[in-house]
Amino acid sequence: IVVGGGDSAMEETLALYKFASKITLVHRRDAFRASKIMQDRVLSLKDKVKVVWNSTVTKVNGDKFVTGVVIKDLKSGKEKKVDCGGMFLAIGHIPNTSFLKGFVELDGHEYIVVDGVKTSVPGVYAAGDVMDNVYRQAITSAGRGCMAALEAEKFLEELQAKGKY
């Protein structure tokens, strides 16, 4: 089961397609929000992918492992149990930055606003998914992490040269 209708859900579905025998894509609306090309890719996979429109998952069954879900049709209100071996929530990304509110500048989606890796606070740098709402990939996060470390080192050296550290 993949839950969502945006690019994240399409990406998850395409990744799982290689391994799963069947994928049920559950979306709460009657149309996807994903880019047209991503929608077309997923909708062309009719051999393994079934889309359940205007629906939501109301319950996940299983103890240590997911064994099924309950899907509710939002128009009729009817629920049905669907057996499955896993469920993936692909309903967008919310960065874990709430603890930074009032400390560094955040954008309207709670991502840290950066210039390169520099935040609005001198000496504070950001890397990874908290500042990257486009790529959200480990490799770009690692690269930005290296950049942030080098900037922090430079910042500390400048403080030391000024006798402030």
C-alpha atoms as a PDB file:
ATOM      1  CA  ILE A   1       0.000   0.000   0.000  1.00  0.00           C
ATOM      2  CA  VAL A   2       1.275   3.458  -0.912  1.00  0.00           C
ATOM      3  CA  VAL A   3      -0.669   6.422   0.462  1.00  0.00           C
ATOM      4  CA  GLY A   4      -0.479   9.756  -1.330  1.00  0.00           C
ATOM      5  CA  GLY A   5      -0.949  11.500  -4.645  1.00  0.00           C
ATOM      6  CA  GLY A   6       2.032  13.768  -5.115  1.00  0.00           C
ATOM      7  CA  ASP A   7       5.464  13.212  -6.573  1.00  0.00           C
ATOM      8  CA  SER A   8       6.606  11.461  -3.373  1.00  0.00           C
ATOM      9  CA  ALA A   9       3.883   8.832  -3.759  1.00  0.00           C
ATOM     10  CA  MET A  10       4.706   8.352  -7.433  1.00  0.00           C
ATOM     11  CA  GLU A  11       8.403   7.930  -6.612  1.00  0.00           C
ATOM     12  CA  GLU A  12       7.626   5.367  -3.893  1.00  0.00           C
ATOM     13  CA  THR A  13       5.334   3.458  -6.227  1.00  0.00           C
ATOM     14  CA  LEU A  14       7.942   3.364  -8.990  1.00  0.00           C
ATOM     15  CA  ALA A  15      10.624   2.199  -6.536  1.00  0.00           C
ATOM     16  CA  LEU A  16       8.387  -0.547  -5.108  1.00  0.00           C
ATOM     17  CA  TYR A  17       7.260  -1.661  -8.559  1.00  0.00           C
ATOM     18  CA  LYS A  18      10.569  -3.473  -9.043  1.00  0.00           C
ATOM     19  CA  PHE A  19      10.024  -5.613  -5.944  1.00  0.00           C
ATOM     20  CA  ALA A  20       6.319  -5.878  -5.131  1.00  0.00           C
ATOM     21  CA  SER A  21       3.926  -8.305  -6.779  1.00  0.00           C
ATOM     22  CA  LYS A  22       1.054  -5.835  -6.398  1.00  0.00           C
ATOM     23  CA  ILE A  23       0.763  -2.198  -5.276  1.00  0.00           C
ATOM     24  CA  THR A  24      -2.378  -0.409  -4.169  1.00  0.00           C
ATOM     25  CA  LEU A  25      -2.017   3.365  -4.371  1.00  0.00           C
ATOM     26  CA  VAL A  26      -4.536   5.082  -2.079  1.00  0.00           C
ATOM     27  CA  HIS A  27      -5.333   8.732  -2.748  1.00  0.00           C
ATOM     28  CA  ARG A  28      -7.861  10.961  -0.967  1.00  0.00           C
ATOM     29  CA  ARG A  29      -8.806  12.893  -4.098  1.00  0.00           C
ATOM     30  CA  ASP A  30     -10.003  12.025  -7.598  1.00  0.00           C
ATOM     31  CA  ALA A  31      -6.825  13.307  -9.262  1.00  0.00           C
ATOM     32  CA  PHE A  32      -3.126  13.235  -8.417  1.00  0.00           C
ATOM     33  CA  ARG A  33      -1.137  16.352  -7.581  1.00  0.00           C
ATOM     34  CA  ALA A  34       2.061  14.832  -8.942  1.00  0.00           C
ATOM     35  CA  SER A  35       3.687  16.104 -12.102  1.00  0.00           C
ATOM     36  CA  LYS A  36       2.120  14.835 -15.313  1.00  0.00           C
ATOM     37  CA  ILE A  37       5.152  12.768 -16.256  1.00  0.00           C
ATOM     38  CA  MET A  38       5.178  11.010 -12.863  1.00  0.00           C
ATOM     39  CA  GLN A  39       1.442  10.343 -13.073  1.00  0.00           C
ATOM     40  CA  ASP A  40       1.794   8.900 -16.560  1.00  0.00           C
ATOM     41  CA  ARG A  41       4.617   6.595 -15.458  1.00  0.00           C
ATOM     42  CA  VAL A  42       2.614   5.200 -12.546  1.00  0.00           C
ATOM     43  CA  LEU A  43      -0.707   4.963 -14.372  1.00  0.00           C
ATOM     44  CA  SER A  44       0.969   2.980 -17.172  1.00  0.00           C
ATOM     45  CA  LEU A  45       1.852   0.199 -14.698  1.00  0.00           C
ATOM     46  CA  LYS A  46      -1.594  -1.418 -14.770  1.00  0.00           C
ATOM     47  CA  ASP A  47      -0.123  -4.912 -14.484  1.00  0.00           C
ATOM     48  CA  LYS A  48       0.833  -4.331 -10.826  1.00  0.00           C
ATOM     49  CA  VAL A  49      -0.554  -0.955  -9.723  1.00  0.00           C
ATOM     50  CA  LYS A  50      -4.161  -0.371  -8.710  1.00  0.00           C
ATOM     51  CA  VAL A  51      -5.275   3.155  -7.765  1.00  0.00           C
ATOM     52  CA  VAL A  52      -7.995   3.586  -5.147  1.00  0.00           C
ATOM     53  CA  TRP A  53      -9.369   7.115  -5.567  1.00  0.00           C
ATOM     54  CA  ASN A  54     -11.239   9.272  -3.023  1.00  0.00           C
ATOM     55  CA  SER A  55     -10.093   7.059  -0.185  1.00  0.00           C
ATOM     56  CA  THR A  56      -7.963   7.059   2.920  1.00  0.00           C
ATOM     57  CA  VAL A  57      -6.369   4.459   5.181  1.00  0.00           C
ATOM     58  CA  THR A  58      -8.181   4.490   8.532  1.00  0.00           C
ATOM     59  CA  LYS A  59      -6.430   1.589  10.230  1.00  0.00           C
ATOM     60  CA  VAL A  60      -3.207  -0.364   9.922  1.00  0.00           C
ATOM     61  CA  ASN A  61      -3.406  -4.004  11.007  1.00  0.00           C
ATOM     62  CA  GLY A  62      -0.580  -6.101  12.387  1.00  0.00           C
ATOM     63  CA  ASP A  63       1.506  -6.467  15.492  1.00  0.00           C
ATOM     64  CA  LYS A  64       5.205  -6.391  14.643  1.00  0.00           C
ATOM     65  CA  PHE A  65       4.612  -6.257  10.896  1.00  0.00           C
ATOM     66  CA  VAL A  66       1.903  -4.733   8.742  1.00  0.00           C
ATOM     67  CA  THR A  67      -0.562  -7.425   7.668  1.00  0.00           C
ATOM     68  CA  GLY A  68      -3.260  -5.219   6.178  1.00  0.00           C
ATOM     69  CA  VAL A  69      -5.082  -1.917   6.215  1.00  0.00           C
ATOM     70  CA  VAL A  70      -8.632  -0.650   6.302  1.00  0.00           C
ATOM     71  CA  ILE A  71      -9.438   1.701   3.430  1.00  0.00           C
ATOM     72  CA  LYS A  72     -12.387   4.085   3.660  1.00  0.00           C
ATOM     73  CA  ASP A  73     -14.141   5.369   0.544  1.00  0.00           C
ATOM     74  CA  LEU A  74     -14.610   9.072   1.299  1.00  0.00           C
ATOM     75  CA  LYS A  75     -17.683   9.377  -0.918  1.00  0.00           C
ATOM     76  CA  SER A  76     -19.689   6.372   0.292  1.00  0.00           C
ATOM     77  CA  GLY A  77     -18.182   6.053   3.770  1.00  0.00           C
ATOM     78  CA  LYS A  78     -17.749   2.301   3.224  1.00  0.00           C
ATOM     79  CA  GLU A  79     -14.659   0.615   4.583  1.00  0.00           C
ATOM     80  CA  LYS A  80     -12.909  -2.496   3.337  1.00  0.00           C
ATOM     81  CA  LYS A  81     -10.022  -4.521   4.675  1.00  0.00           C
ATOM     82  CA  VAL A  82      -7.086  -5.051   2.340  1.00  0.00           C
ATOM     83  CA  ASP A  83      -4.341  -7.558   3.120  1.00  0.00           C
ATOM     84  CA  CYS A  84      -0.827  -6.317   2.446  1.00  0.00           C
ATOM     85  CA  GLY A  85       2.754  -6.811   3.533  1.00  0.00           C
ATOM     86  CA  GLY A  86       3.575  -3.144   4.058  1.00  0.00           C
ATOM     87  CA  MET A  87       2.386   0.424   3.910  1.00  0.00           C
ATOM     88  CA  PHE A  88       4.302   3.495   2.806  1.00  0.00           C
ATOM     89  CA  LEU A  89       3.106   6.992   3.687  1.00  0.00           C
ATOM     90  CA  ALA A  90       4.160   9.289   0.890  1.00  0.00           C
ATOM     91  CA  ILE A  91       2.139  12.324   1.793  1.00  0.00           C
ATOM     92  CA  GLY A  92       4.843  14.929   1.635  1.00  0.00           C
ATOM     93  CA  HIS A  93       7.814  15.964   3.671  1.00  0.00           C
ATOM     94  CA  ILE A  94       7.687  18.066   6.800  1.00  0.00           C
ATOM     95  CA  PRO A  95      11.131  18.976   8.087  1.00  0.00           C
ATOM     96  CA  ASN A  96      11.727  18.484  11.803  1.00  0.00           C
ATOM     97  CA  THR A  97      12.608  22.123  12.504  1.00  0.00           C
ATOM     98  CA  SER A  98       9.927  23.294  14.937  1.00  0.00           C
ATOM     99  CA  PHE A  99      12.534  23.566  17.716  1.00  0.00           C
ATOM    100  CA  LEU A 100      14.330  26.202  15.624  1.00  0.00           C
ATOM    101  CA  LYS A 101      11.388  28.619  15.323  1.00  0.00           C
ATOM    102  CA  GLY A 102      12.486  32.027  16.514  1.00  0.00           C
ATOM    103  CA  PHE A 103      16.159  31.060  16.335  1.00  0.00           C
ATOM    104  CA  VAL A 104      16.878  30.765  12.605  1.00  0.00           C
ATOM    105  CA  GLU A 105      14.747  31.924   9.698  1.00  0.00           C
ATOM    106  CA  LEU A 106      12.335  29.296   8.369  1.00  0.00           C
ATOM    107  CA  ASP A 107      10.305  29.522   5.187  1.00  0.00           C
ATOM    108  CA  GLY A 108       6.540  29.031   4.945  1.00  0.00           C
ATOM    109  CA  HIS A 109       6.982  25.233   4.831  1.00  0.00           C
ATOM    110  CA  GLU A 110       9.322  25.147   7.858  1.00  0.00           C
ATOM    111  CA  TYR A 111      12.511  24.568   5.872  1.00  0.00           C
ATOM    112  CA  ILE A 112      15.574  26.465   7.081  1.00  0.00           C
ATOM    113  CA  VAL A 113      16.298  29.440   4.820  1.00  0.00           C
ATOM    114  CA  VAL A 114      19.914  29.260   3.680  1.00  0.00           C
ATOM    115  CA  ASP A 115      22.422  31.060   1.533  1.00  0.00           C
ATOM    116  CA  GLY A 116      24.461  28.059   0.422  1.00  0.00           C
ATOM    117  CA  VAL A 117      24.553  26.413   3.858  1.00  0.00           C
ATOM    118  CA  LYS A 118      24.583  29.627   5.947  1.00  0.00           C
ATOM    119  CA  THR A 119      21.479  30.322   8.029  1.00  0.00           C
ATOM    120  CA  SER A 120      20.234  33.695   9.256  1.00  0.00           C
ATOM    121  CA  VAL A 121      22.399  33.266  12.377  1.00  0.00           C
ATOM    122  CA  PRO A 122      26.176  33.718  11.956  1.00  0.00           C
ATOM    123  CA  GLY A 123      28.018  30.505  12.820  1.00  0.00           C
ATOM    124  CA  VAL A 124      24.946  28.305  12.369  1.00  0.00           C
ATOM    125  CA  TYR A 125      24.842  26.163   9.242  1.00  0.00           C
ATOM    126  CA  ALA A 126      22.284  23.770   7.835  1.00  0.00           C
ATOM    127  CA  ALA A 127      22.475  20.649   5.692  1.00  0.00           C
ATOM    128  CA  GLY A 128      20.168  17.841   4.672  1.00  0.00           C
ATOM    129  CA  ASP A 129      16.414  17.577   4.432  1.00  0.00           C
ATOM    130  CA  VAL A 130      15.794  20.471   6.854  1.00  0.00           C
ATOM    131  CA  MET A 131      16.962  22.915   4.194  1.00  0.00           C
ATOM    132  CA  ASP A 132      16.458  20.955   0.976  1.00  0.00           C
ATOM    133  CA  ASN A 133      12.874  20.825  -0.236  1.00  0.00           C
ATOM    134  CA  VAL A 134      13.854  19.808  -3.765  1.00  0.00           C
ATOM    135  CA  TYR A 135      16.274  16.873  -3.856  1.00  0.00           C
ATOM    136  CA  ARG A 136      15.992  15.277  -0.376  1.00  0.00           C
ATOM    137  CA  GLN A 137      18.658  12.717  -1.196  1.00  0.00           C
ATOM    138  CA  ALA A 138      21.347  11.275   1.052  1.00  0.00           C
ATOM    139  CA  ILE A 139      24.103  12.149  -1.405  1.00  0.00           C
ATOM    140  CA  THR A 140      23.142  15.829  -1.598  1.00  0.00           C
ATOM    141  CA  SER A 141      22.716  15.910   2.184  1.00  0.00           C
ATOM    142  CA  ALA A 142      26.208  14.472   2.630  1.00  0.00           C
ATOM    143  CA  GLY A 143      27.662  17.054   0.258  1.00  0.00           C
ATOM    144  CA  ARG A 144      25.896  19.893   2.046  1.00  0.00           C
ATOM    145  CA  GLY A 145      27.041  18.440   5.373  1.00  0.00           C
ATOM    146  CA  CYS A 146      30.638  18.653   4.183  1.00  0.00           C
ATOM    147  CA  MET A 147      30.048  22.227   3.023  1.00  0.00           C
ATOM    148  CA  ALA A 148      28.537  23.155   6.404  1.00  0.00           C
ATOM    149  CA  ALA A 149      31.484  21.594   8.271  1.00  0.00           C
ATOM    150  CA  LEU A 150      33.981  23.542   6.145  1.00  0.00           C
ATOM    151  CA  GLU A 151      32.045  26.785   6.687  1.00  0.00           C
ATOM    152  CA  ALA A 152      31.926  26.158  10.458  1.00  0.00           C
ATOM    153  CA  GLU A 153      35.667  25.516  10.516  1.00  0.00           C
ATOM    154  CA  LYS A 154      36.283  28.751   8.582  1.00  0.00           C
ATOM    155  CA  PHE A 155      33.977  30.660  10.958  1.00  0.00           C
ATOM    156  CA  LEU A 156      35.838  29.368  14.035  1.00  0.00           C
ATOM    157  CA  GLU A 157      39.236  30.166  12.490  1.00  0.00           C
ATOM    158  CA  GLU A 158      38.071  33.735  11.853  1.00  0.00           C
ATOM    159  CA  LEU A 159      36.880  34.060  15.453  1.00  0.00           C
ATOM    160  CA  GLN A 160      40.193  32.710  16.698  1.00  0.00           C
ATOM    161  CA  ALA A 161      42.147  35.150  14.522  1.00  0.00           C
ATOM    162  CA  LYS A 162      40.112  37.998  16.044  1.00  0.00           C
ATOM    163  CA  GLY A 163      40.845  36.690  19.556  1.00  0.00           C
ATOM    164  CA  LYS A 164      37.180  35.872  20.202  1.00  0.00           C
ATOM    165  CA  TYR A 165      37.728  32.128  20.485  1.00  0.00           C
END
